[in-house]
């Protein structure tokens, strides 16, 4: 009853109003803080999965939010890893990152999968589709199979575990705080971003 009342109260707060996030209701604190980079920046980490419809729905909102970030805040994306079937799309993301194409193609990947019904589950399917987006097939496959992308994929698996990610999309702040729409105080991703904004303020004040 009390939790429901708190959620209802939070839902009535105007979009621009300040939020004082509450541990356990609006965010969780990791038992061991994770290192973040670059140094001197406040790092917000999004955990996502290309096949996740909620991540696809959230993408335009996240991109709009990211465009307004202050200079001391950076957004890092991490493709989640919960088993072998997640590896190809992890490597897709890091290959696009290596080619400098995430900014141009991240939203298009989501649209291809969720709006156009295109399967992007194997490197061959990805290469075929990316060639139509102006990315040479062999260039993508070289990046996809590169040692660097393999190492980043392993790191993503380690981060998924270290951050105790149970669902996507989830957002972490400065390697310590994690929030998502699965928590009682943040039933929508818009409210999640408001909590992230408040946590950024707290981290900045603590520096």
N, C-alpha and C. Protein backbone atom coordinates (compact mmCIF):
# COMPACT_ATOMS: atom_id res chain seq x y z
N UNK A 1 0.83 -1.20 0.00
CA UNK A 1 0.00 0.00 0.00
C UNK A 1 0.87 1.26 0.00
N UNK A 2 1.88 1.28 0.90
CA UNK A 2 2.77 2.43 0.97
C UNK A 2 3.56 2.56 -0.32
N UNK A 3 4.09 1.43 -0.83
CA UNK A 3 4.87 1.46 -2.07
C UNK A 3 4.04 1.97 -3.22
N UNK A 4 2.78 1.54 -3.30
CA UNK A 4 1.89 2.00 -4.37
C UNK A 4 1.67 3.49 -4.27
N UNK A 5 1.53 3.99 -3.03
CA UNK A 5 1.33 5.42 -2.84
C UNK A 5 2.55 6.22 -3.28
N UNK A 6 3.74 5.68 -2.99
CA UNK A 6 4.97 6.36 -3.39
C UNK A 6 5.09 6.42 -4.90
N UNK A 7 4.75 5.31 -5.56
CA UNK A 7 4.79 5.30 -7.02
C UNK A 7 3.82 6.31 -7.59
N UNK A 8 2.61 6.37 -7.02
CA UNK A 8 1.61 7.31 -7.50
C UNK A 8 2.08 8.74 -7.31
N UNK A 9 2.73 9.01 -6.16
CA UNK A 9 3.23 10.36 -5.90
C UNK A 9 4.31 10.74 -6.89
N UNK A 10 5.23 9.80 -7.15
CA UNK A 10 6.31 10.09 -8.09
C UNK A 10 5.77 10.34 -9.48
N UNK A 11 4.72 9.60 -9.84
CA UNK A 11 4.15 9.76 -11.16
C UNK A 11 3.48 11.10 -11.37
N UNK A 12 3.12 11.80 -10.28
CA UNK A 12 2.46 13.09 -10.41
C UNK A 12 3.44 14.26 -10.41
N UNK A 13 4.73 13.98 -10.20
CA UNK A 13 5.72 15.06 -10.19
C UNK A 13 5.90 15.59 -11.61
N UNK A 14 5.87 16.91 -11.82
CA UNK A 14 6.07 17.45 -13.16
C UNK A 14 7.38 16.99 -13.75
N UNK A 15 7.42 16.87 -15.09
CA UNK A 15 8.60 16.31 -15.77
C UNK A 15 9.87 17.06 -15.43
N UNK A 16 9.79 18.37 -15.23
CA UNK A 16 11.01 19.14 -14.99
C UNK A 16 11.37 19.28 -13.52
N UNK A 17 10.57 18.71 -12.65
CA UNK A 17 10.81 18.89 -11.22
C UNK A 17 11.99 18.06 -10.76
N UNK A 18 12.63 18.53 -9.68
CA UNK A 18 13.77 17.81 -9.12
C UNK A 18 13.29 16.52 -8.46
N UNK A 19 14.09 15.51 -8.52
CA UNK A 19 13.77 14.22 -7.92
C UNK A 19 14.85 13.89 -6.90
N UNK A 20 14.43 13.45 -5.72
CA UNK A 20 15.39 12.95 -4.74
C UNK A 20 15.24 11.44 -4.71
N UNK A 21 16.12 10.74 -5.41
CA UNK A 21 15.96 9.29 -5.52
C UNK A 21 16.19 8.59 -4.19
N UNK A 22 15.46 7.51 -3.97
CA UNK A 22 15.53 6.74 -2.74
C UNK A 22 16.12 5.36 -3.05
N UNK A 23 17.16 5.02 -2.32
CA UNK A 23 17.81 3.71 -2.49
C UNK A 23 16.81 2.59 -2.22
N UNK A 24 16.79 1.61 -3.09
CA UNK A 24 15.89 0.47 -2.94
C UNK A 24 14.56 0.68 -3.61
N UNK A 25 14.16 1.92 -3.79
CA UNK A 25 12.90 2.22 -4.48
C UNK A 25 13.16 2.69 -5.90
N UNK A 26 14.12 3.62 -6.04
CA UNK A 26 14.42 4.22 -7.34
C UNK A 26 15.73 3.73 -7.94
N UNK A 27 16.61 3.20 -7.13
CA UNK A 27 17.89 2.71 -7.62
C UNK A 27 18.46 1.70 -6.63
N UNK A 28 19.41 0.92 -7.10
CA UNK A 28 20.14 -0.02 -6.25
C UNK A 28 21.60 0.40 -6.21
N UNK A 29 22.27 0.10 -5.12
CA UNK A 29 23.69 0.39 -4.99
C UNK A 29 24.48 -0.90 -5.05
N UNK A 30 25.46 -0.97 -5.94
CA UNK A 30 26.27 -2.17 -6.06
C UNK A 30 27.14 -2.34 -4.81
N UNK A 31 27.34 -3.56 -4.36
CA UNK A 31 28.18 -3.77 -3.18
C UNK A 31 29.63 -3.40 -3.42
N UNK A 32 30.07 -3.51 -4.68
CA UNK A 32 31.44 -3.13 -5.04
C UNK A 32 31.36 -2.18 -6.23
N UNK A 33 31.85 -0.96 -6.04
CA UNK A 33 31.82 0.01 -7.13
C UNK A 33 32.73 -0.45 -8.26
N UNK A 34 32.28 -0.26 -9.50
CA UNK A 34 33.04 -0.66 -10.68
C UNK A 34 33.84 0.52 -11.23
N UNK A 35 35.05 0.27 -11.72
CA UNK A 35 35.83 1.36 -12.30
C UNK A 35 35.17 1.87 -13.59
N UNK A 36 35.26 3.17 -13.80
CA UNK A 36 34.69 3.77 -15.01
C UNK A 36 35.75 4.64 -15.67
N UNK A 37 35.56 4.85 -16.95
CA UNK A 37 36.45 5.74 -17.70
C UNK A 37 35.61 6.46 -18.75
N UNK A 38 36.03 7.65 -19.17
CA UNK A 38 37.31 8.31 -18.87
C UNK A 38 37.33 8.93 -17.47
N UNK A 39 38.53 9.07 -16.95
CA UNK A 39 38.71 9.69 -15.64
C UNK A 39 38.25 11.14 -15.69
N UNK A 40 37.69 11.59 -14.60
CA UNK A 40 37.26 12.98 -14.53
C UNK A 40 35.88 13.22 -15.10
N UNK A 41 35.23 12.17 -15.59
CA UNK A 41 33.88 12.28 -16.14
C UNK A 41 32.90 11.47 -15.29
N UNK A 42 31.65 11.86 -15.34
CA UNK A 42 30.58 11.06 -14.74
C UNK A 42 30.05 10.16 -15.84
N UNK A 43 30.12 8.86 -15.62
CA UNK A 43 29.80 7.90 -16.67
C UNK A 43 28.43 7.27 -16.41
N UNK A 44 27.55 7.39 -17.39
CA UNK A 44 26.25 6.71 -17.36
C UNK A 44 26.34 5.53 -18.33
N UNK A 45 26.03 4.34 -17.87
CA UNK A 45 26.14 3.13 -18.68
C UNK A 45 24.77 2.56 -18.96
N UNK A 46 24.44 2.42 -20.25
CA UNK A 46 23.20 1.76 -20.62
C UNK A 46 23.48 0.30 -20.98
N UNK A 47 22.78 -0.62 -20.34
CA UNK A 47 22.81 -2.02 -20.72
C UNK A 47 21.59 -2.28 -21.60
N UNK A 48 21.82 -2.87 -22.78
CA UNK A 48 20.74 -3.05 -23.75
C UNK A 48 20.91 -4.35 -24.51
N UNK A 49 19.90 -4.68 -25.31
CA UNK A 49 19.94 -5.83 -26.21
C UNK A 49 19.17 -5.44 -27.46
N UNK A 50 19.77 -5.65 -28.61
CA UNK A 50 19.10 -5.24 -29.85
C UNK A 50 17.75 -5.90 -30.05
N UNK A 51 17.59 -7.15 -29.62
CA UNK A 51 16.32 -7.85 -29.82
C UNK A 51 15.26 -7.46 -28.79
N UNK A 52 15.60 -6.64 -27.82
CA UNK A 52 14.67 -6.26 -26.75
C UNK A 52 13.72 -5.16 -27.23
N UNK A 53 12.40 -5.41 -27.25
CA UNK A 53 11.46 -4.38 -27.70
C UNK A 53 11.45 -3.14 -26.81
N UNK A 54 11.69 -3.34 -25.51
CA UNK A 54 11.71 -2.19 -24.60
C UNK A 54 12.93 -1.29 -24.87
N UNK A 55 14.05 -1.92 -25.22
CA UNK A 55 15.24 -1.14 -25.58
C UNK A 55 14.99 -0.35 -26.87
N UNK A 56 14.31 -0.99 -27.82
CA UNK A 56 14.00 -0.31 -29.08
C UNK A 56 13.09 0.89 -28.83
N UNK A 57 12.11 0.71 -27.97
CA UNK A 57 11.18 1.80 -27.65
C UNK A 57 11.89 2.93 -26.92
N UNK A 58 12.86 2.57 -26.09
CA UNK A 58 13.57 3.56 -25.28
C UNK A 58 14.61 4.35 -26.09
N UNK A 59 15.10 3.78 -27.17
CA UNK A 59 16.22 4.36 -27.91
C UNK A 59 16.02 5.83 -28.30
N UNK A 60 14.89 6.24 -28.89
CA UNK A 60 14.75 7.66 -29.24
C UNK A 60 14.79 8.58 -28.03
N UNK A 61 14.21 8.14 -26.92
CA UNK A 61 14.22 8.94 -25.69
C UNK A 61 15.64 9.06 -25.16
N UNK A 62 16.37 7.95 -25.18
CA UNK A 62 17.75 7.97 -24.69
C UNK A 62 18.62 8.88 -25.56
N UNK A 63 18.46 8.79 -26.87
CA UNK A 63 19.27 9.61 -27.77
C UNK A 63 18.99 11.09 -27.55
N UNK A 64 17.71 11.45 -27.37
CA UNK A 64 17.35 12.84 -27.12
C UNK A 64 17.96 13.32 -25.81
N UNK A 65 17.92 12.48 -24.79
CA UNK A 65 18.51 12.81 -23.48
C UNK A 65 20.01 12.97 -23.60
N UNK A 66 20.66 12.06 -24.33
CA UNK A 66 22.12 12.08 -24.45
C UNK A 66 22.62 13.33 -25.16
N UNK A 67 21.83 13.84 -26.11
CA UNK A 67 22.24 15.05 -26.84
C UNK A 67 22.32 16.27 -25.93
N UNK A 68 21.66 16.22 -24.78
CA UNK A 68 21.63 17.37 -23.87
C UNK A 68 22.54 17.19 -22.66
N UNK A 69 23.36 16.15 -22.66
CA UNK A 69 24.21 15.92 -21.50
C UNK A 69 25.24 17.03 -21.33
N UNK A 70 25.51 17.43 -20.09
CA UNK A 70 26.57 18.43 -19.85
C UNK A 70 27.93 17.83 -20.18
N UNK A 71 28.91 18.70 -20.29
CA UNK A 71 30.23 18.27 -20.77
C UNK A 71 30.95 17.30 -19.84
N UNK A 72 30.55 17.25 -18.57
CA UNK A 72 31.23 16.35 -17.63
C UNK A 72 30.57 14.98 -17.52
N UNK A 73 29.59 14.70 -18.38
CA UNK A 73 28.87 13.43 -18.35
C UNK A 73 29.00 12.73 -19.70
N UNK A 74 29.30 11.44 -19.68
CA UNK A 74 29.38 10.67 -20.92
C UNK A 74 28.47 9.45 -20.81
N UNK A 75 27.94 9.04 -21.97
CA UNK A 75 27.09 7.85 -22.04
C UNK A 75 27.89 6.70 -22.66
N UNK A 76 27.91 5.59 -21.96
CA UNK A 76 28.53 4.36 -22.46
C UNK A 76 27.43 3.33 -22.66
N UNK A 77 27.50 2.59 -23.76
CA UNK A 77 26.53 1.53 -24.01
C UNK A 77 27.22 0.18 -23.85
N UNK A 78 26.51 -0.76 -23.23
CA UNK A 78 27.04 -2.12 -23.08
C UNK A 78 25.96 -3.11 -23.51
N UNK A 79 26.21 -3.89 -24.56
CA UNK A 79 25.25 -4.93 -24.94
C UNK A 79 25.28 -6.05 -23.91
N UNK A 80 24.12 -6.39 -23.40
CA UNK A 80 24.04 -7.33 -22.29
C UNK A 80 24.42 -8.74 -22.73
N UNK A 81 24.91 -9.53 -21.78
CA UNK A 81 25.35 -10.89 -22.07
C UNK A 81 24.77 -11.85 -21.05
N UNK A 82 23.80 -12.67 -21.49
CA UNK A 82 23.21 -13.68 -20.61
C UNK A 82 23.33 -15.08 -21.19
N UNK A 83 24.25 -15.28 -22.11
CA UNK A 83 24.41 -16.59 -22.70
C UNK A 83 24.94 -16.49 -24.11
N UNK A 84 25.23 -17.64 -24.70
CA UNK A 84 25.88 -17.67 -26.01
C UNK A 84 25.05 -16.99 -27.10
N UNK A 85 23.73 -17.05 -27.01
CA UNK A 85 22.90 -16.47 -28.07
C UNK A 85 23.01 -14.95 -28.14
N UNK A 86 23.54 -14.33 -27.10
CA UNK A 86 23.68 -12.87 -27.09
C UNK A 86 24.98 -12.41 -27.76
N UNK A 87 25.92 -13.32 -27.94
CA UNK A 87 27.24 -12.94 -28.45
C UNK A 87 27.21 -12.28 -29.82
N UNK A 88 26.48 -12.81 -30.82
CA UNK A 88 26.52 -12.17 -32.14
C UNK A 88 26.10 -10.70 -32.11
N UNK A 89 25.05 -10.37 -31.38
CA UNK A 89 24.63 -8.96 -31.35
C UNK A 89 25.54 -8.11 -30.48
N UNK A 90 26.20 -8.71 -29.51
CA UNK A 90 27.24 -7.98 -28.79
C UNK A 90 28.34 -7.56 -29.76
N UNK A 91 28.77 -8.53 -30.56
CA UNK A 91 29.84 -8.25 -31.51
C UNK A 91 29.38 -7.29 -32.61
N UNK A 92 28.11 -7.34 -32.97
CA UNK A 92 27.57 -6.36 -33.92
C UNK A 92 27.77 -4.95 -33.38
N UNK A 93 27.39 -4.72 -32.12
CA UNK A 93 27.54 -3.39 -31.54
C UNK A 93 29.00 -2.95 -31.54
N UNK A 94 29.89 -3.81 -31.05
CA UNK A 94 31.29 -3.39 -30.94
C UNK A 94 31.96 -3.26 -32.31
N UNK A 95 31.49 -4.00 -33.30
CA UNK A 95 31.99 -3.80 -34.67
C UNK A 95 31.56 -2.44 -35.19
N UNK A 96 30.30 -2.07 -34.95
CA UNK A 96 29.83 -0.74 -35.36
C UNK A 96 30.60 0.35 -34.63
N UNK A 97 30.89 0.12 -33.36
CA UNK A 97 31.66 1.09 -32.59
C UNK A 97 33.06 1.25 -33.19
N UNK A 98 33.69 0.13 -33.54
CA UNK A 98 35.03 0.17 -34.12
C UNK A 98 35.04 0.90 -35.46
N UNK A 99 33.94 0.81 -36.20
CA UNK A 99 33.85 1.45 -37.51
C UNK A 99 33.34 2.88 -37.43
N UNK A 100 33.05 3.34 -36.20
CA UNK A 100 32.54 4.70 -36.04
C UNK A 100 31.13 4.88 -36.55
N UNK A 101 30.31 3.81 -36.49
CA UNK A 101 28.98 3.83 -37.09
C UNK A 101 27.83 3.77 -36.08
N UNK A 102 28.14 3.72 -34.80
CA UNK A 102 27.07 3.60 -33.81
C UNK A 102 26.11 4.78 -33.88
N UNK A 103 26.65 5.99 -33.94
CA UNK A 103 25.80 7.16 -33.98
C UNK A 103 24.84 7.15 -35.15
N UNK A 104 25.32 6.71 -36.31
CA UNK A 104 24.50 6.72 -37.52
C UNK A 104 23.55 5.53 -37.59
N UNK A 105 23.92 4.40 -36.99
CA UNK A 105 23.18 3.16 -37.26
C UNK A 105 22.48 2.55 -36.05
N UNK A 106 22.73 3.02 -34.85
CA UNK A 106 22.12 2.39 -33.67
C UNK A 106 20.60 2.35 -33.78
N UNK A 107 20.00 3.48 -34.07
CA UNK A 107 18.54 3.52 -34.19
C UNK A 107 18.06 2.70 -35.37
N UNK A 108 18.83 2.65 -36.44
CA UNK A 108 18.43 1.88 -37.63
C UNK A 108 18.45 0.38 -37.36
N UNK A 109 19.39 -0.06 -36.54
CA UNK A 109 19.43 -1.49 -36.17
C UNK A 109 18.15 -1.87 -35.44
N UNK A 110 17.78 -1.05 -34.46
CA UNK A 110 16.53 -1.31 -33.72
C UNK A 110 15.34 -1.31 -34.67
N UNK A 111 15.28 -0.33 -35.57
CA UNK A 111 14.14 -0.23 -36.50
C UNK A 111 14.10 -1.43 -37.43
N UNK A 112 15.25 -1.88 -37.90
CA UNK A 112 15.28 -3.03 -38.80
C UNK A 112 14.68 -4.26 -38.13
N UNK A 113 15.07 -4.49 -36.88
CA UNK A 113 14.61 -5.68 -36.16
C UNK A 113 13.15 -5.57 -35.76
N UNK A 114 12.76 -4.44 -35.18
CA UNK A 114 11.46 -4.34 -34.53
C UNK A 114 10.36 -3.74 -35.39
N UNK A 115 10.73 -2.98 -36.41
CA UNK A 115 9.71 -2.37 -37.27
C UNK A 115 9.65 -3.05 -38.64
N UNK A 116 10.81 -3.50 -39.12
CA UNK A 116 10.85 -4.08 -40.47
C UNK A 116 10.93 -5.60 -40.46
N UNK A 117 11.08 -6.19 -39.28
CA UNK A 117 11.10 -7.64 -39.16
C UNK A 117 12.32 -8.31 -39.77
N UNK A 118 13.43 -7.58 -39.84
CA UNK A 118 14.66 -8.13 -40.41
C UNK A 118 15.45 -8.85 -39.32
N UNK A 119 15.85 -10.07 -39.59
CA UNK A 119 16.63 -10.83 -38.62
C UNK A 119 18.10 -10.44 -38.71
N UNK A 120 18.65 -10.03 -37.59
CA UNK A 120 20.07 -9.71 -37.49
C UNK A 120 20.65 -10.57 -36.37
N UNK A 121 20.75 -11.85 -36.65
CA UNK A 121 21.15 -12.82 -35.63
C UNK A 121 22.47 -13.50 -35.95
N UNK A 122 22.92 -13.41 -37.19
CA UNK A 122 24.19 -14.03 -37.59
C UNK A 122 25.05 -12.97 -38.27
N UNK A 123 26.37 -13.15 -38.29
CA UNK A 123 27.22 -12.17 -38.95
C UNK A 123 26.89 -12.02 -40.44
N UNK A 124 26.45 -13.09 -41.07
CA UNK A 124 26.10 -13.01 -42.49
C UNK A 124 24.87 -12.13 -42.70
N UNK A 125 23.85 -12.33 -41.87
CA UNK A 125 22.66 -11.48 -41.95
C UNK A 125 23.01 -10.02 -41.69
N UNK A 126 23.86 -9.80 -40.71
CA UNK A 126 24.27 -8.44 -40.37
C UNK A 126 25.04 -7.81 -41.52
N UNK A 127 25.96 -8.56 -42.10
CA UNK A 127 26.78 -8.03 -43.20
C UNK A 127 25.92 -7.68 -44.41
N UNK A 128 24.94 -8.54 -44.72
CA UNK A 128 24.04 -8.27 -45.84
C UNK A 128 23.27 -6.98 -45.62
N UNK A 129 22.74 -6.83 -44.41
CA UNK A 129 21.94 -5.63 -44.12
C UNK A 129 22.82 -4.39 -44.08
N UNK A 130 23.97 -4.48 -43.45
CA UNK A 130 24.85 -3.33 -43.33
C UNK A 130 25.38 -2.85 -44.68
N UNK A 131 25.56 -3.78 -45.61
CA UNK A 131 26.01 -3.37 -46.94
C UNK A 131 24.98 -2.43 -47.58
N UNK A 132 23.70 -2.68 -47.30
CA UNK A 132 22.64 -1.81 -47.81
C UNK A 132 22.63 -0.46 -47.10
N UNK A 133 23.29 -0.39 -45.94
CA UNK A 133 23.38 0.87 -45.20
C UNK A 133 24.67 1.61 -45.52
N UNK A 134 25.42 1.10 -46.48
CA UNK A 134 26.65 1.77 -46.90
C UNK A 134 27.92 1.29 -46.22
N UNK A 135 27.83 0.21 -45.45
CA UNK A 135 29.01 -0.35 -44.78
C UNK A 135 29.47 -1.56 -45.60
N UNK A 136 30.65 -1.51 -46.20
CA UNK A 136 31.13 -2.64 -47.00
C UNK A 136 31.11 -3.95 -46.21
N UNK A 137 30.63 -4.99 -46.86
CA UNK A 137 30.45 -6.29 -46.21
C UNK A 137 31.73 -6.79 -45.54
N UNK A 138 32.83 -6.79 -46.28
CA UNK A 138 34.07 -7.32 -45.73
C UNK A 138 34.63 -6.46 -44.62
N UNK A 139 34.42 -5.16 -44.74
CA UNK A 139 34.88 -4.24 -43.69
C UNK A 139 34.18 -4.57 -42.37
N UNK A 140 32.88 -4.80 -42.45
CA UNK A 140 32.16 -5.17 -41.23
C UNK A 140 32.63 -6.51 -40.68
N UNK A 141 32.77 -7.51 -41.56
CA UNK A 141 33.17 -8.83 -41.09
C UNK A 141 34.57 -8.82 -40.48
N UNK A 142 35.45 -8.01 -41.04
CA UNK A 142 36.79 -7.88 -40.46
C UNK A 142 36.72 -7.33 -39.05
N UNK A 143 35.88 -6.30 -38.86
CA UNK A 143 35.71 -5.72 -37.53
C UNK A 143 35.05 -6.72 -36.59
N UNK A 144 34.01 -7.38 -37.08
CA UNK A 144 33.25 -8.35 -36.28
C UNK A 144 34.16 -9.46 -35.75
N UNK A 145 35.09 -9.90 -36.56
CA UNK A 145 35.98 -11.01 -36.19
C UNK A 145 37.29 -10.56 -35.57
N UNK A 146 37.45 -9.27 -35.35
CA UNK A 146 38.72 -8.75 -34.85
C UNK A 146 38.95 -9.12 -33.39
N UNK A 147 40.20 -9.15 -33.01
CA UNK A 147 40.57 -9.45 -31.62
C UNK A 147 39.99 -8.40 -30.67
N UNK A 148 40.04 -7.15 -31.09
CA UNK A 148 39.52 -6.06 -30.25
C UNK A 148 38.05 -6.25 -29.93
N UNK A 149 37.25 -6.59 -30.92
CA UNK A 149 35.82 -6.80 -30.70
C UNK A 149 35.60 -8.03 -29.81
N UNK A 150 36.38 -9.07 -30.00
CA UNK A 150 36.25 -10.24 -29.13
C UNK A 150 36.54 -9.88 -27.68
N UNK A 151 37.55 -9.05 -27.45
CA UNK A 151 37.89 -8.65 -26.09
C UNK A 151 36.80 -7.77 -25.47
N UNK A 152 36.23 -6.88 -26.27
CA UNK A 152 35.15 -6.03 -25.77
C UNK A 152 33.91 -6.85 -25.43
N UNK A 153 33.68 -7.89 -26.22
CA UNK A 153 32.55 -8.78 -25.94
C UNK A 153 32.73 -9.49 -24.61
N UNK A 154 33.95 -9.92 -24.32
CA UNK A 154 34.23 -10.55 -23.02
C UNK A 154 34.02 -9.54 -21.89
N UNK A 155 34.45 -8.31 -22.12
CA UNK A 155 34.27 -7.27 -21.10
C UNK A 155 32.78 -7.03 -20.84
N UNK A 156 31.97 -7.04 -21.90
CA UNK A 156 30.53 -6.83 -21.73
C UNK A 156 29.92 -7.92 -20.86
N UNK A 157 30.39 -9.16 -21.05
CA UNK A 157 29.91 -10.26 -20.21
C UNK A 157 30.29 -10.04 -18.75
N UNK A 158 31.52 -9.59 -18.52
CA UNK A 158 31.98 -9.32 -17.16
C UNK A 158 31.18 -8.18 -16.52
N UNK A 159 30.89 -7.16 -17.30
CA UNK A 159 30.13 -6.02 -16.78
C UNK A 159 28.69 -6.40 -16.47
N UNK A 160 28.09 -7.22 -17.31
CA UNK A 160 26.72 -7.68 -17.05
C UNK A 160 26.64 -8.36 -15.69
N UNK A 161 27.64 -9.16 -15.38
CA UNK A 161 27.69 -9.85 -14.08
C UNK A 161 28.02 -8.88 -12.96
N UNK A 162 29.03 -8.05 -13.16
CA UNK A 162 29.47 -7.14 -12.10
C UNK A 162 28.38 -6.16 -11.70
N UNK A 163 27.59 -5.71 -12.67
CA UNK A 163 26.52 -4.76 -12.39
C UNK A 163 25.21 -5.44 -11.99
N UNK A 164 25.22 -6.76 -11.95
CA UNK A 164 24.06 -7.54 -11.52
C UNK A 164 22.81 -7.21 -12.35
N UNK A 165 23.01 -7.12 -13.67
CA UNK A 165 21.91 -6.73 -14.54
C UNK A 165 20.94 -7.89 -14.72
N UNK A 166 19.68 -7.65 -14.38
CA UNK A 166 18.64 -8.68 -14.47
C UNK A 166 17.66 -8.42 -15.61
N UNK A 167 17.64 -7.21 -16.12
CA UNK A 167 16.71 -6.86 -17.19
C UNK A 167 17.23 -5.66 -17.96
N UNK A 168 16.72 -5.48 -19.17
CA UNK A 168 17.13 -4.35 -20.00
C UNK A 168 15.89 -3.64 -20.55
N UNK A 169 16.02 -2.33 -20.79
CA UNK A 169 17.21 -1.51 -20.56
C UNK A 169 17.40 -1.18 -19.08
N UNK A 170 18.67 -1.13 -18.67
CA UNK A 170 19.05 -0.69 -17.33
C UNK A 170 20.12 0.38 -17.48
N UNK A 171 20.15 1.30 -16.53
CA UNK A 171 21.14 2.37 -16.55
C UNK A 171 21.92 2.38 -15.25
N UNK A 172 23.24 2.56 -15.36
CA UNK A 172 24.10 2.66 -14.19
C UNK A 172 24.77 4.03 -14.19
N UNK A 173 25.06 4.52 -13.00
CA UNK A 173 25.71 5.83 -12.86
C UNK A 173 27.00 5.66 -12.07
N UNK A 174 28.09 6.04 -12.70
CA UNK A 174 29.42 6.09 -12.08
C UNK A 174 29.85 4.78 -11.46
N UNK A 175 29.43 3.67 -12.06
CA UNK A 175 29.88 2.37 -11.59
C UNK A 175 29.35 1.95 -10.24
N UNK A 176 28.35 2.62 -9.74
CA UNK A 176 27.87 2.33 -8.39
C UNK A 176 26.36 2.16 -8.32
N UNK A 177 25.61 2.99 -9.01
CA UNK A 177 24.16 3.00 -8.89
C UNK A 177 23.51 2.41 -10.15
N UNK A 178 22.48 1.58 -9.96
CA UNK A 178 21.78 0.96 -11.08
C UNK A 178 20.28 1.19 -10.94
N UNK A 179 19.64 1.57 -12.04
CA UNK A 179 18.20 1.80 -12.02
C UNK A 179 17.58 1.27 -13.30
N UNK A 180 16.31 0.91 -13.20
CA UNK A 180 15.57 0.41 -14.36
C UNK A 180 14.08 0.54 -14.08
N UNK A 181 13.27 0.26 -15.09
CA UNK A 181 11.82 0.34 -14.93
C UNK A 181 11.27 -0.83 -14.13
N UNK A 182 12.12 -1.76 -13.70
CA UNK A 182 11.67 -2.87 -12.87
C UNK A 182 11.55 -2.49 -11.40
N UNK A 183 12.10 -1.33 -11.04
CA UNK A 183 12.03 -0.90 -9.64
C UNK A 183 10.70 -0.22 -9.35
N UNK A 184 10.22 -0.29 -8.10
CA UNK A 184 8.88 0.24 -7.79
C UNK A 184 8.75 1.74 -7.97
N UNK A 185 9.85 2.49 -7.78
CA UNK A 185 9.75 3.94 -7.89
C UNK A 185 9.95 4.48 -9.30
N UNK A 186 10.31 3.59 -10.23
CA UNK A 186 10.61 4.04 -11.59
C UNK A 186 9.90 3.15 -12.61
N UNK A 187 8.58 3.22 -12.68
CA UNK A 187 7.83 2.33 -13.57
C UNK A 187 7.90 2.69 -15.05
N UNK A 188 8.57 3.76 -15.40
CA UNK A 188 8.75 4.12 -16.81
C UNK A 188 10.19 4.56 -17.03
N UNK A 189 10.66 4.47 -18.26
CA UNK A 189 12.04 4.86 -18.55
C UNK A 189 12.22 6.37 -18.46
N UNK A 190 11.16 7.14 -18.66
CA UNK A 190 11.26 8.58 -18.46
C UNK A 190 11.58 8.89 -17.00
N UNK A 191 10.94 8.16 -16.09
CA UNK A 191 11.23 8.35 -14.66
C UNK A 191 12.62 7.82 -14.31
N UNK A 192 13.04 6.76 -14.99
CA UNK A 192 14.40 6.26 -14.80
C UNK A 192 15.41 7.35 -15.13
N UNK A 193 15.20 8.05 -16.24
CA UNK A 193 16.13 9.11 -16.63
C UNK A 193 16.11 10.26 -15.64
N UNK A 194 14.98 10.54 -15.05
CA UNK A 194 14.92 11.59 -14.03
C UNK A 194 15.75 11.19 -12.81
N UNK A 195 15.69 9.91 -12.45
CA UNK A 195 16.50 9.41 -11.34
C UNK A 195 17.98 9.48 -11.71
N UNK A 196 18.32 9.12 -12.93
CA UNK A 196 19.70 9.21 -13.39
C UNK A 196 20.19 10.65 -13.31
N UNK A 197 19.37 11.59 -13.75
CA UNK A 197 19.76 13.01 -13.66
C UNK A 197 20.06 13.41 -12.21
N UNK A 198 19.22 12.95 -11.30
CA UNK A 198 19.42 13.29 -9.88
C UNK A 198 20.68 12.62 -9.33
N UNK A 199 20.95 11.39 -9.75
CA UNK A 199 22.16 10.71 -9.30
C UNK A 199 23.41 11.38 -9.85
N UNK A 200 23.33 11.89 -11.07
CA UNK A 200 24.45 12.64 -11.64
C UNK A 200 24.76 13.85 -10.77
N UNK A 201 23.73 14.55 -10.34
CA UNK A 201 23.91 15.72 -9.47
C UNK A 201 24.58 15.30 -8.16
N UNK A 202 24.15 14.18 -7.60
CA UNK A 202 24.73 13.71 -6.34
C UNK A 202 26.21 13.34 -6.51
N UNK A 203 26.50 12.65 -7.60
CA UNK A 203 27.90 12.26 -7.85
C UNK A 203 28.75 13.50 -8.05
N UNK A 204 28.26 14.45 -8.81
CA UNK A 204 29.02 15.68 -9.05
C UNK A 204 29.27 16.43 -7.74
N UNK A 205 28.30 16.48 -6.88
CA UNK A 205 28.46 17.19 -5.61
C UNK A 205 29.46 16.50 -4.69
N UNK A 206 29.59 15.17 -4.84
CA UNK A 206 30.50 14.41 -3.98
C UNK A 206 31.95 14.50 -4.44
N UNK A 207 32.17 14.95 -5.67
CA UNK A 207 33.54 15.03 -6.20
C UNK A 207 34.31 16.20 -5.55
